[in-house]
Protein backbone atom coordinates (compact mmCIF):
# COMPACT_ATOMS: atom_id res chain seq x y z
CA MET A 1 18.01 130.09 200.16
CA PHE A 2 19.46 129.37 196.94
CA HIS A 3 21.90 126.91 198.58
CA VAL A 4 19.08 124.66 199.75
CA TYR A 5 17.49 124.99 196.50
CA LYS A 6 21.23 123.66 194.70
CA TYR A 7 21.52 121.34 197.60
CA ARG A 8 18.11 120.15 196.68
CA LEU A 9 18.54 119.48 193.32
CA ILE A 10 21.69 117.67 193.43
CA CYS A 11 20.19 115.17 196.04
CA ILE A 12 17.49 114.75 193.45
CA LEU A 13 19.52 114.11 190.73
CA ARG A 14 21.32 111.72 192.88
CA ASP A 15 18.17 109.46 193.48
CA LYS A 16 18.43 106.83 191.00
CA GLN A 17 14.86 105.43 191.63
CA THR A 18 13.12 108.42 190.96
CA VAL A 19 15.48 109.08 187.77
CA PHE A 20 13.89 105.73 186.65
CA TRP A 21 10.43 106.30 187.24
CA THR A 22 10.01 110.09 186.14
CA LEU A 23 12.07 109.85 182.87
CA ILE A 24 13.45 106.21 181.80
CA PHE A 25 10.34 104.21 182.73
CA PRO A 26 8.25 106.47 180.66
CA ILE A 27 10.24 106.39 177.20
CA VAL A 28 10.41 102.73 177.99
CA LEU A 29 7.02 102.61 177.83
CA SER A 30 6.53 105.08 175.17
CA VAL A 31 8.78 103.04 172.92
CA LEU A 32 6.80 99.68 173.75
CA PHE A 33 3.33 101.87 172.94
CA ASN A 34 4.63 102.77 169.31
CA PHE A 35 5.46 98.99 168.21
CA ALA A 36 2.20 97.98 169.48
CA PHE A 37 0.21 101.17 167.71
CA SER A 38 2.11 101.64 165.24
CA ASN A 39 0.07 99.79 162.34
CA LEU A 40 -3.28 100.51 164.17
CA SER A 41 -4.35 103.64 161.74
CA VAL A 42 -3.07 101.49 159.01
CA ALA A 43 -5.35 98.54 160.27
CA GLU A 44 -8.49 101.21 160.21
CA ASP A 45 -8.52 101.65 156.79
CA PHE A 46 -11.23 100.68 154.57
CA GLU A 47 -11.00 97.38 153.13
CA ARG A 48 -12.85 96.10 149.72
CA ILE A 49 -15.98 94.79 150.48
CA LYS A 50 -15.80 90.75 149.47
CA VAL A 51 -19.13 89.82 148.37
CA GLY A 52 -20.64 86.60 145.92
CA ILE A 53 -23.04 87.55 142.80
CA VAL A 54 -25.06 84.48 141.75
CA ASP A 55 -24.36 84.06 137.91
CA ASN A 56 -27.97 83.10 136.64
CA GLU A 57 -30.39 84.39 133.70
CA GLU A 58 -32.11 86.73 136.04
CA LEU A 59 -28.80 88.33 136.31
CA LYS A 60 -28.24 88.59 132.78
CA ALA A 61 -31.58 89.94 132.38
CA ASN A 62 -30.31 93.21 134.74
CA PRO A 63 -27.21 94.52 132.92
CA ALA A 64 -27.25 97.84 134.56
CA PHE A 65 -26.53 96.20 137.61
CA VAL A 66 -23.63 94.56 136.12
CA GLU A 67 -22.22 97.89 134.37
CA LEU A 68 -23.06 99.39 138.56
CA VAL A 69 -21.01 96.95 139.94
CA ASP A 70 -18.01 96.86 137.76
CA ALA A 71 -18.17 100.73 137.94
CA VAL A 72 -17.12 100.57 141.69
CA PRO A 73 -14.22 98.56 141.85
CA ASP A 74 -12.73 100.42 144.93
CA PHE A 75 -16.03 99.60 146.41
CA LEU A 76 -17.02 95.63 145.96
CA ASP A 77 -14.64 92.96 145.43
CA ALA A 78 -17.21 90.95 143.51
CA SER A 79 -16.98 87.37 142.54
CA TYR A 80 -19.20 85.77 139.84
CA THR A 81 -20.02 81.98 140.92
CA THR A 82 -22.76 79.70 140.96
CA GLU A 83 -25.26 79.49 144.10
CA ALA A 84 -23.75 76.47 145.67
CA ASP A 85 -20.11 78.18 145.43
CA ALA A 86 -21.67 81.05 146.77
CA ASN A 87 -22.99 79.32 150.07
CA LYS A 88 -19.40 77.84 150.41
CA LEU A 89 -17.67 81.06 150.32
CA LEU A 90 -20.32 82.32 152.66
CA GLU A 91 -19.86 79.39 155.31
CA GLU A 92 -16.14 79.51 154.97
CA GLY A 93 -15.95 83.24 155.50
CA ASN A 94 -14.49 84.24 152.44
CA ILE A 95 -17.08 87.00 151.32
CA LYS A 96 -19.82 89.00 153.37
CA GLY A 97 -22.60 87.82 151.70
CA TYR A 98 -23.98 87.09 148.25
CA ILE A 99 -26.36 88.60 145.70
CA HIS A 100 -28.78 86.38 144.21
CA PHE A 101 -31.38 87.72 141.86
CA ASP A 102 -34.21 85.26 142.02
CA ASP A 103 -37.64 86.64 141.74
CA GLY A 104 -36.22 90.20 142.79
CA MET A 105 -32.58 90.75 144.32
CA ASN A 106 -32.00 89.24 147.70
CA PHE A 107 -28.86 89.85 149.50
CA ILE A 108 -28.25 86.50 151.69
CA VAL A 109 -25.53 86.85 154.75
CA LYS A 110 -24.50 84.97 157.22
CA GLU A 111 -24.43 87.33 159.88
CA SER A 112 -25.00 91.17 160.43
CA GLY A 113 -22.22 93.56 160.50
CA ILE A 114 -20.67 96.84 159.04
CA TYR A 115 -19.92 95.47 155.90
CA GLN A 116 -22.92 94.07 155.54
CA THR A 117 -25.37 97.06 156.23
CA ILE A 118 -22.96 99.02 153.77
CA VAL A 119 -23.77 96.31 151.02
CA LYS A 120 -27.51 96.20 152.23
CA GLY A 121 -27.66 100.16 151.75
CA PHE A 122 -26.01 100.28 148.33
CA LEU A 123 -28.28 97.74 147.05
CA ASP A 124 -31.59 99.45 148.43
CA ASP A 125 -30.22 102.46 147.01
CA PHE A 126 -29.99 100.58 143.27
CA THR A 127 -33.32 99.56 143.86
CA GLN A 128 -35.02 102.54 144.38
CA THR A 129 -33.48 104.24 141.84
CA THR A 130 -34.38 101.62 139.16
CA SER A 131 -37.90 101.81 140.71
CA THR A 132 -38.01 105.18 139.93
CA ILE A 133 -36.72 105.19 136.60
CA THR A 134 -39.22 102.44 135.65
CA THR A 135 -42.19 104.43 137.21
CA ILE A 136 -41.37 107.46 135.14
CA ILE A 137 -40.68 105.87 132.02
CA SER A 138 -44.10 103.83 132.45
CA GLU A 139 -46.33 107.38 132.46
CA ASN A 140 -43.58 109.03 130.24
CA PRO A 141 -42.32 106.73 127.56
CA ASN A 142 -40.32 109.95 126.04
CA ALA A 143 -38.56 110.33 129.37
CA ILE A 144 -35.15 108.74 128.39
CA GLN A 145 -34.90 110.86 125.05
CA GLU A 146 -35.50 114.45 127.34
CA GLY A 147 -32.23 113.42 129.64
CA LEU A 148 -33.85 111.03 132.46
CA ILE A 149 -30.92 108.74 133.09
CA GLU A 150 -28.26 111.97 133.18
CA SER A 151 -30.39 113.47 135.50
CA VAL A 152 -30.94 110.61 137.63
CA SER A 153 -26.96 109.72 137.67
CA GLU A 154 -26.33 112.99 138.63
CA ARG A 155 -26.50 113.17 142.27
CA GLU A 156 -26.25 116.52 144.09
CA ASP A 157 -25.15 116.64 147.83
CA TYR A 158 -26.98 119.25 149.79
CA LEU A 159 -24.56 118.66 152.66
CA GLU A 160 -21.23 119.95 153.66
CA THR A 161 -18.66 118.29 155.94
CA ILE A 162 -17.04 121.29 157.73
CA PRO A 163 -14.17 119.89 159.82
CA ALA A 164 -13.44 120.73 163.27
CA SER A 165 -10.03 121.07 162.83
CA LYS A 166 -7.43 120.96 160.13
CA SER A 167 -6.17 117.95 161.73
CA GLU A 168 -7.46 114.47 161.59
CA PRO A 169 -9.35 112.63 164.35
CA ASN A 170 -6.42 110.11 165.86
CA THR A 171 -7.26 107.80 168.75
CA VAL A 172 -3.63 106.70 168.98
CA VAL A 173 -2.27 109.89 170.07
CA ASN A 174 -4.33 110.18 173.31
CA TYR A 175 -2.35 106.56 174.49
CA PHE A 176 1.14 109.49 174.17
CA TYR A 177 -1.05 112.21 175.82
CA ALA A 178 -2.11 109.99 178.47
CA LEU A 179 1.16 108.86 178.95
CA ILE A 180 2.53 112.29 179.12
CA ALA A 181 -0.13 112.64 181.92
CA MET A 182 1.34 109.64 183.64
CA ALA A 183 4.70 111.07 183.81
CA CYS A 184 3.97 114.10 184.76
CA LEU A 185 1.79 112.58 187.57
CA TYR A 186 4.84 110.59 188.53
CA GLY A 187 6.90 114.14 189.51
CA SER A 188 5.13 113.58 192.79
CA PHE A 189 7.44 111.18 194.03
CA SER A 190 10.08 113.94 193.93
CA GLY A 191 7.27 116.43 196.02
CA LEU A 192 6.95 113.47 198.11
CA LYS A 193 10.85 113.05 198.83
CA GLU A 194 11.10 116.95 199.11
CA VAL A 195 8.38 116.90 201.74
CA THR A 196 10.24 113.95 203.69
CA ALA A 197 13.23 115.81 203.79
CA LEU A 198 11.57 118.44 205.44
CA GLN A 199 10.05 116.37 208.28
CA GLY A 200 12.33 115.83 211.20
CA ASN A 201 10.69 112.78 212.67
CA LEU A 202 11.23 111.12 208.83
CA SER A 203 14.84 111.93 207.49
CA ASN A 204 18.00 112.99 208.72
CA GLN A 205 17.78 115.73 206.45
CA GLY A 206 14.50 117.35 207.68
CA ALA A 207 16.15 117.09 211.38
CA ARG A 208 19.16 119.44 210.53
CA MET A 209 17.01 121.75 208.24
CA ASN A 210 13.98 122.29 211.06
CA MET A 211 17.44 123.29 213.48
CA THR A 212 18.35 126.25 210.98
CA PRO A 213 17.06 129.68 211.40
CA MET A 214 15.39 129.70 207.95
CA HIS A 215 11.69 130.32 207.53
CA LYS A 216 10.06 127.13 207.23
CA ALA A 217 8.23 128.97 203.80
CA LYS A 218 11.72 129.65 202.46
CA MET A 219 12.68 126.25 202.79
CA ILE A 220 9.44 124.86 201.28
CA ILE A 221 10.04 127.23 198.37
CA ALA A 222 13.71 126.31 197.64
CA SER A 223 12.82 122.57 197.94
CA MET A 224 9.82 122.87 195.36
CA GLY A 225 11.68 124.95 193.32
CA ALA A 226 14.41 121.95 193.07
CA ALA A 227 11.61 119.43 192.23
CA ILE A 228 9.61 121.34 189.84
CA THR A 229 13.51 122.19 187.92
CA PHE A 230 13.97 118.59 187.92
CA GLN A 231 10.69 117.97 186.74
CA LEU A 232 10.50 120.27 183.93
CA VAL A 233 14.15 118.86 182.42
CA VAL A 234 12.31 115.61 182.81
CA ILE A 235 9.10 116.21 180.88
CA SER A 236 10.77 118.54 178.72
CA ALA A 237 13.33 115.69 177.33
CA PHE A 238 10.59 113.13 177.24
CA ILE A 239 7.95 115.37 174.92
CA LEU A 240 11.50 115.79 172.54
CA PHE A 241 11.86 112.30 172.18
CA LEU A 242 8.38 111.91 171.52
CA MET A 243 8.15 114.44 169.14
CA PHE A 244 11.68 113.94 167.44
CA VAL A 245 12.50 110.10 167.55
CA LEU A 246 8.75 108.74 167.99
CA LYS A 247 7.12 111.32 165.46
CA ILE A 248 4.14 111.87 167.46
CA ASP A 249 2.28 114.87 166.29
CA PHE A 250 1.56 117.81 169.05
CA GLY A 251 1.13 120.46 166.42
CA ASP A 252 2.49 123.44 165.80
CA GLN A 253 1.77 125.34 169.11
CA ILE A 254 4.74 124.86 171.00
CA GLY A 255 4.04 128.17 173.28
CA TYR A 256 1.25 126.55 174.37
CA ILE A 257 3.06 123.13 174.83
CA ALA A 258 5.44 124.55 177.05
CA LEU A 259 2.90 125.94 178.82
CA THR A 260 1.03 123.14 179.40
CA SER A 261 4.25 120.74 180.74
CA VAL A 262 5.21 123.78 183.39
CA VAL A 263 1.21 124.22 184.75
CA SER A 264 1.42 119.88 184.58
CA SER A 265 4.75 119.35 186.10
CA ILE A 266 4.03 121.58 188.74
CA THR A 267 0.38 119.71 189.15
CA GLY A 268 2.11 116.41 189.81
CA ILE A 269 4.91 117.91 192.15
CA THR A 270 2.26 119.63 194.54
CA PHE A 271 0.08 116.58 194.35
CA GLY A 272 3.38 114.57 195.83
CA THR A 273 3.61 117.13 198.47
CA PHE A 274 -0.17 117.00 199.28
CA VAL A 275 0.12 113.69 199.83
CA SER A 276 3.10 113.40 201.77
CA SER A 277 2.05 116.53 204.04
CA THR A 278 -1.30 115.33 205.14
CA ASN A 279 -0.19 111.59 205.62
CA ARG A 280 1.47 110.17 208.65
CA LYS A 281 1.83 106.86 207.17
CA SER A 282 5.65 105.70 206.33
CA GLU A 283 6.89 106.42 203.18
CA GLY A 284 6.41 103.25 201.37
CA VAL A 285 2.55 104.05 202.28
CA LYS A 286 2.72 106.91 200.42
CA VAL A 287 4.55 105.98 197.77
CA GLY A 288 2.34 103.20 197.59
CA ILE A 289 -0.66 105.74 197.36
CA LEU A 290 0.68 107.94 194.58
CA ILE A 291 1.54 104.89 192.57
CA GLY A 292 -2.32 104.05 192.68
CA THR A 293 -4.16 107.34 192.50
CA SER A 294 -1.46 107.90 189.68
CA MET A 295 -2.44 104.77 187.88
CA LEU A 296 -5.83 105.29 188.48
CA MET A 297 -6.02 108.97 187.17
CA THR A 298 -4.48 107.74 184.00
CA PHE A 299 -6.22 104.40 183.26
CA LEU A 300 -9.59 107.09 183.44
CA SER A 301 -7.92 109.76 181.04
CA GLY A 302 -7.43 106.78 178.46
CA MET A 303 -3.75 105.47 178.59
CA MET A 304 -4.94 102.00 178.61
CA TYR A 305 -8.19 101.67 177.18
CA ASP A 306 -8.77 104.82 174.84
CA LYS A 307 -12.81 104.67 175.22
CA MET A 308 -12.45 104.95 178.96
CA LYS A 309 -11.77 108.65 178.50
CA TYR A 310 -15.02 109.06 176.52
CA ILE A 311 -17.14 107.02 178.86
CA VAL A 312 -16.29 109.20 181.79
CA ASN A 313 -16.94 112.39 179.66
CA SER A 314 -20.20 111.16 178.47
CA LYS A 315 -21.59 109.11 182.02
CA ALA A 316 -19.37 110.93 184.54
CA PRO A 317 -18.17 113.98 183.20
CA ILE A 318 -17.46 115.84 186.73
CA ILE A 319 -14.76 112.85 187.03
CA GLY A 320 -13.16 114.15 184.50
CA TYR A 321 -12.80 117.65 185.98
CA LEU A 322 -11.59 116.12 189.46
CA ASN A 323 -9.06 113.91 187.16
CA PRO A 324 -5.52 116.10 186.76
CA ALA A 325 -4.32 113.39 184.38
CA ASN A 326 -7.55 113.78 182.26
CA LEU A 327 -6.96 117.40 182.10
CA ILE A 328 -3.68 117.14 181.21
CA THR A 329 -4.02 114.65 178.17
CA ASP A 330 -7.14 116.96 177.22
CA SER A 331 -4.84 119.78 176.80
CA PHE A 332 -2.63 118.28 174.79
CA TYR A 333 -5.35 116.73 172.52
CA ALA A 334 -7.09 120.24 172.69
CA LEU A 335 -3.83 121.82 171.36
CA TYR A 336 -3.59 119.14 168.45
CA TYR A 337 -6.92 119.15 167.21
CA TYR A 338 -9.21 121.99 168.02
CA ASP A 339 -8.85 125.54 166.38
CA THR A 340 -9.91 127.70 169.73
CA HIS A 341 -8.63 127.67 172.84
CA SER A 342 -11.37 127.64 175.11
CA ARG A 343 -11.04 124.07 175.82
CA PHE A 344 -7.59 124.49 176.43
CA PHE A 345 -7.69 127.44 179.03
CA LEU A 346 -10.22 125.85 180.68
CA ASN A 347 -8.11 122.66 181.50
CA ILE A 348 -5.23 124.65 181.87
CA GLY A 349 -6.78 127.37 184.85
CA LEU A 350 -8.13 123.82 186.84
CA LEU A 351 -4.55 122.72 186.77
CA CYS A 352 -3.26 125.82 188.13
CA GLY A 353 -6.24 125.80 190.87
CA TYR A 354 -5.15 122.07 191.77
CA SER A 355 -1.85 123.16 191.72
CA ILE A 356 -2.38 126.48 194.16
CA LEU A 357 -4.66 123.91 196.12
CA PHE A 358 -2.65 121.39 196.89
CA GLY A 359 0.19 124.02 197.48
CA VAL A 360 -1.54 125.74 200.34
CA ILE A 361 -2.25 122.54 202.31
CA THR A 362 1.11 121.31 202.24
CA TYR A 363 2.24 124.60 203.87
CA LEU A 364 -0.52 124.72 206.27
CA SER A 365 0.39 121.39 206.88
CA LEU A 366 4.06 121.53 207.24
CA ARG A 367 3.75 124.89 209.12
CA ARG A 368 2.00 122.98 211.84
CA GLN A 369 4.08 120.18 212.53
CA LYS A 370 6.75 121.18 215.35
CA TYR A 371 9.10 118.29 217.35
CA ALA A 372 9.81 118.33 220.90
CA SER A 373 12.84 116.93 220.24
CA ILE A 374 15.27 115.65 217.24
């Protein structure tokens, strides 16, 4: 059995096409991803909101508002101007809106958006606070001497922010985790090759192996062992490249990362053997099926569009549990983000279940195959 394992491993290493798709292609794709997403987090940083403020007599009658704007330079990028110039800046898109004191405070915008909503909330808070102070002073003129301004200025937050993890949420890493899932599923090509090598009607190796006295179960175990060994080396090299060359964060749980790599690789291999053993079409058709299903599964796990993963999980969560690529991606993200392992072990358990299911179906399919002549 060891000789079968040894020679099948040599055959896989000599297959340039398999080496390219399982190792070289994911590395090239990861480098392109890194170029595309390297500045994505920077682009999402908060920028000061550009607003205009019409400088008129009514504004000068509200010095408290001017002092407030000057007190938040990291929030508002304010430009004091005339109403005509403010309208021009707004039309040209140089400001998000402008504030005009004309029989009260007004905020004029060209279109709605997140920045406009933030500024409106800021202005509403100022209006409410000013109205409250005015009402209290009208009822109690001595309120200012009693510390009204100080008490209003001291805002107490009764809500406490408790992070779900020590790691910050990061949508970029999901792309790379989905890329690892794709690389694991591409191990199905090795599984397909190994099954082909065991089928006497599809390859010369299969014809010779079916003439040997070795039990078919031993041949399957040796062939699968060679494919899994190769895939583990490939995935390990790929993850090390991501960690130490591209600096992708996987967290510090190395043992669980290794476990995920092993289980995911076995799932990819057995998926390939399952498709190959249950399909009587040519090898080219089988390869097309594996590529198509792998691309569909990685798309649903968020490799091409990061929000797709969340759409699937919210609209049709059963698809996420049936999708090995999603389970692999989610396993790595669970290790990166969550402090507990319940979600991680659920994903690993499902992947192990799929591996066993694919493996059993492969064995039953190959065991029944007999040849009248070779």
